[in-house]
Protein backbone atom coordinates (compact mmCIF):
# COMPACT_ATOMS: atom_id res chain seq x y z
CA MET A 1 -11.28 29.04 -33.05
CA PRO A 2 -12.59 27.84 -29.70
CA PRO A 3 -16.30 27.09 -29.47
CA ILE A 4 -18.63 29.78 -28.15
CA ILE A 5 -20.99 28.70 -25.35
CA PRO A 6 -23.90 31.01 -24.74
CA GLN A 7 -24.54 32.04 -21.12
CA TYR A 8 -27.17 34.19 -19.62
CA ASN A 9 -26.98 36.99 -17.07
CA THR A 10 -29.54 35.96 -14.52
CA GLN A 11 -30.28 39.51 -13.37
CA THR A 12 -30.96 40.95 -16.81
CA ASP A 13 -31.75 37.85 -18.70
CA GLU A 14 -29.39 38.96 -21.41
CA GLN A 15 -27.23 36.57 -23.31
CA VAL A 16 -23.49 36.91 -22.58
CA ILE A 17 -21.15 35.31 -25.08
CA THR A 18 -17.93 34.07 -23.53
CA PRO A 19 -15.52 32.02 -25.70
CA THR A 20 -14.07 29.02 -23.95
CA VAL A 21 -10.39 28.55 -24.28
CA LYS A 22 -8.74 25.15 -23.96
CA PRO A 23 -5.56 25.37 -22.01
CA SER A 24 -2.41 24.59 -23.95
CA VAL A 25 0.16 22.42 -22.19
CA LYS A 26 3.64 22.00 -23.58
CA LEU A 27 5.73 19.26 -22.09
CA ASP A 28 9.44 19.65 -21.67
CA GLU A 29 10.80 16.67 -23.68
CA LYS A 30 13.82 16.18 -21.45
CA LEU A 31 11.54 16.04 -18.36
CA LYS A 32 9.20 13.68 -20.24
CA ASP A 33 12.16 11.28 -21.07
CA GLU A 34 13.36 11.41 -17.44
CA LEU A 35 9.91 10.56 -16.12
CA LEU A 36 9.53 7.69 -18.62
CA ALA A 37 12.90 6.36 -17.62
CA GLN A 38 11.83 6.51 -13.94
CA ILE A 39 8.67 4.60 -14.71
CA GLN A 40 10.69 1.92 -16.57
CA GLU A 41 13.07 1.58 -13.60
CA GLU A 42 10.17 0.94 -11.26
CA SER A 43 8.31 -1.48 -13.45
CA MET A 44 8.55 -5.24 -13.20
CA ALA A 45 8.12 -8.49 -15.04
CA VAL A 46 5.67 -11.04 -13.69
CA VAL A 47 6.20 -14.74 -14.48
CA HIS A 48 3.36 -17.17 -13.63
CA CYS A 49 4.78 -20.76 -13.57
CA SER A 50 3.17 -24.14 -13.44
CA TYR A 51 5.02 -27.38 -12.55
CA THR A 52 3.36 -30.75 -12.79
CA ALA A 53 5.14 -33.46 -10.79
CA GLU A 54 5.36 -36.87 -12.40
CA PHE A 55 6.41 -38.35 -9.04
CA GLU A 56 6.64 -36.92 -5.50
CA VAL A 57 9.33 -34.24 -5.53
CA GLY A 58 10.74 -31.48 -3.45
CA ILE A 59 10.79 -28.07 -5.10
CA ARG A 60 12.05 -24.57 -4.27
CA ILE A 61 13.31 -21.42 -5.97
CA TRP A 62 16.63 -19.69 -5.32
CA ASN A 63 17.02 -15.93 -4.87
CA SER A 64 19.67 -16.08 -7.53
CA THR A 65 16.95 -16.67 -10.23
CA VAL A 66 17.16 -14.05 -12.99
CA LEU A 67 15.74 -13.04 -16.35
CA ILE A 68 18.57 -12.58 -18.90
CA ASP A 69 18.10 -10.31 -21.91
CA GLN A 70 19.45 -12.33 -24.77
CA GLY A 71 20.42 -9.21 -26.68
CA SER A 72 22.48 -7.40 -24.05
CA GLY A 73 23.09 -10.11 -21.38
CA SER A 74 21.53 -7.77 -18.83
CA ARG A 75 20.07 -9.56 -15.76
CA SER A 76 16.81 -8.67 -14.01
CA ARG A 77 16.85 -9.99 -10.50
CA MET A 78 14.02 -11.79 -8.78
CA LEU A 79 12.28 -9.54 -6.27
CA HIS A 80 9.69 -11.84 -4.79
CA ALA A 81 8.24 -15.37 -5.07
CA PHE A 82 4.62 -16.37 -4.29
CA ASN A 83 3.41 -19.89 -3.56
CA ILE A 84 6.81 -21.49 -3.66
CA THR A 85 9.43 -21.75 -0.94
CA VAL A 86 12.82 -19.92 -1.35
CA ALA A 87 15.96 -21.96 -0.83
CA PRO A 88 17.16 -23.37 1.52
CA MET A 89 13.50 -24.48 2.35
CA TRP A 90 11.86 -27.20 0.32
CA MET A 91 8.19 -27.90 -0.38
CA LEU A 92 6.75 -31.16 -1.38
CA VAL A 93 4.76 -31.57 -4.60
CA GLU A 94 2.79 -34.82 -4.73
CA ALA A 95 2.82 -37.01 -7.89
CA GLY A 96 0.29 -35.97 -10.50
CA THR A 97 -0.35 -32.53 -8.88
CA THR A 98 0.41 -29.15 -10.44
CA LEU A 99 2.04 -26.41 -8.45
CA ARG A 100 1.37 -22.88 -9.66
CA PHE A 101 3.61 -20.08 -8.45
CA THR A 102 4.42 -16.50 -9.39
CA LEU A 103 7.84 -14.82 -9.64
CA ILE A 104 8.28 -11.05 -9.71
CA PHE A 105 11.43 -9.68 -11.34
CA ALA A 106 12.93 -6.23 -11.77
CA SER A 107 12.12 -4.68 -15.15
CA LEU A 108 13.72 -5.92 -18.36
CA PRO A 109 15.71 -3.42 -20.42
CA THR A 110 13.49 -1.45 -22.85
CA THR A 111 15.50 -2.92 -25.74
CA CYS A 112 14.87 -6.52 -24.72
CA GLU A 113 12.97 -8.62 -27.22
CA VAL A 114 13.80 -12.11 -26.03
CA PHE A 115 14.99 -13.33 -22.72
CA THR A 116 15.83 -16.48 -20.60
CA LEU A 117 14.59 -17.54 -17.15
CA PHE A 118 17.63 -18.85 -15.38
CA GLU A 119 17.86 -20.22 -11.87
CA ASP A 120 21.56 -19.64 -11.22
CA ILE A 121 22.44 -22.21 -8.57
CA PRO A 122 25.52 -24.26 -7.50
CA GLU A 123 23.84 -27.60 -8.21
CA ASP A 124 22.06 -29.48 -10.94
CA GLY A 125 18.32 -29.16 -11.53
CA GLY A 126 17.84 -25.38 -11.72
CA PHE A 127 15.07 -23.95 -13.80
CA LEU A 128 16.13 -22.85 -17.37
CA ILE A 129 13.70 -21.68 -20.00
CA LYS A 130 15.20 -20.07 -23.10
CA VAL A 131 13.74 -17.97 -25.85
CA ILE A 132 10.88 -16.24 -24.09
CA LYS A 133 9.52 -13.61 -26.33
CA ARG A 134 8.91 -10.22 -24.67
CA ASN A 135 5.35 -8.88 -24.69
CA GLU A 136 3.88 -5.45 -24.03
CA SER A 137 2.45 -6.38 -20.63
CA ASP A 138 5.55 -8.07 -19.25
CA VAL A 139 3.30 -10.78 -17.78
CA TYR A 140 4.24 -14.34 -18.76
CA HIS A 141 2.80 -17.85 -18.28
CA LEU A 142 5.35 -20.62 -18.36
CA SER A 143 5.28 -24.36 -17.83
CA ILE A 144 8.27 -25.71 -16.00
CA VAL A 145 9.30 -29.28 -17.19
């Protein structure tokens, strides 16, 4: 039974009892699933990277960098890169310094538990980090070696 909140008629100073009713909302399960799928489609994975140069080196990231779900083989493409140049441009990292950059990827599949960061390029030296365990936030901190 809903709680009863006493109120007063200001003209007669009589107590008026009006039960308060909480609205009942029933969600359509199909609609709920469609909305959750839409949210998943628009989510993203954020990968914060750090790279410490042992000697002076040029570095860049290719647009072909992906996250690969190790269970399904599904690829999440890179959407944006911050604080690192995108091929064909190079940036110089001085010896002994650490470059920190962030990569934004399309969402991983909901079933993904473990994935790989793979810079799919036509030459040697691309980034490859295997066995990255998925977390609830989809925000990761990786050291590139």
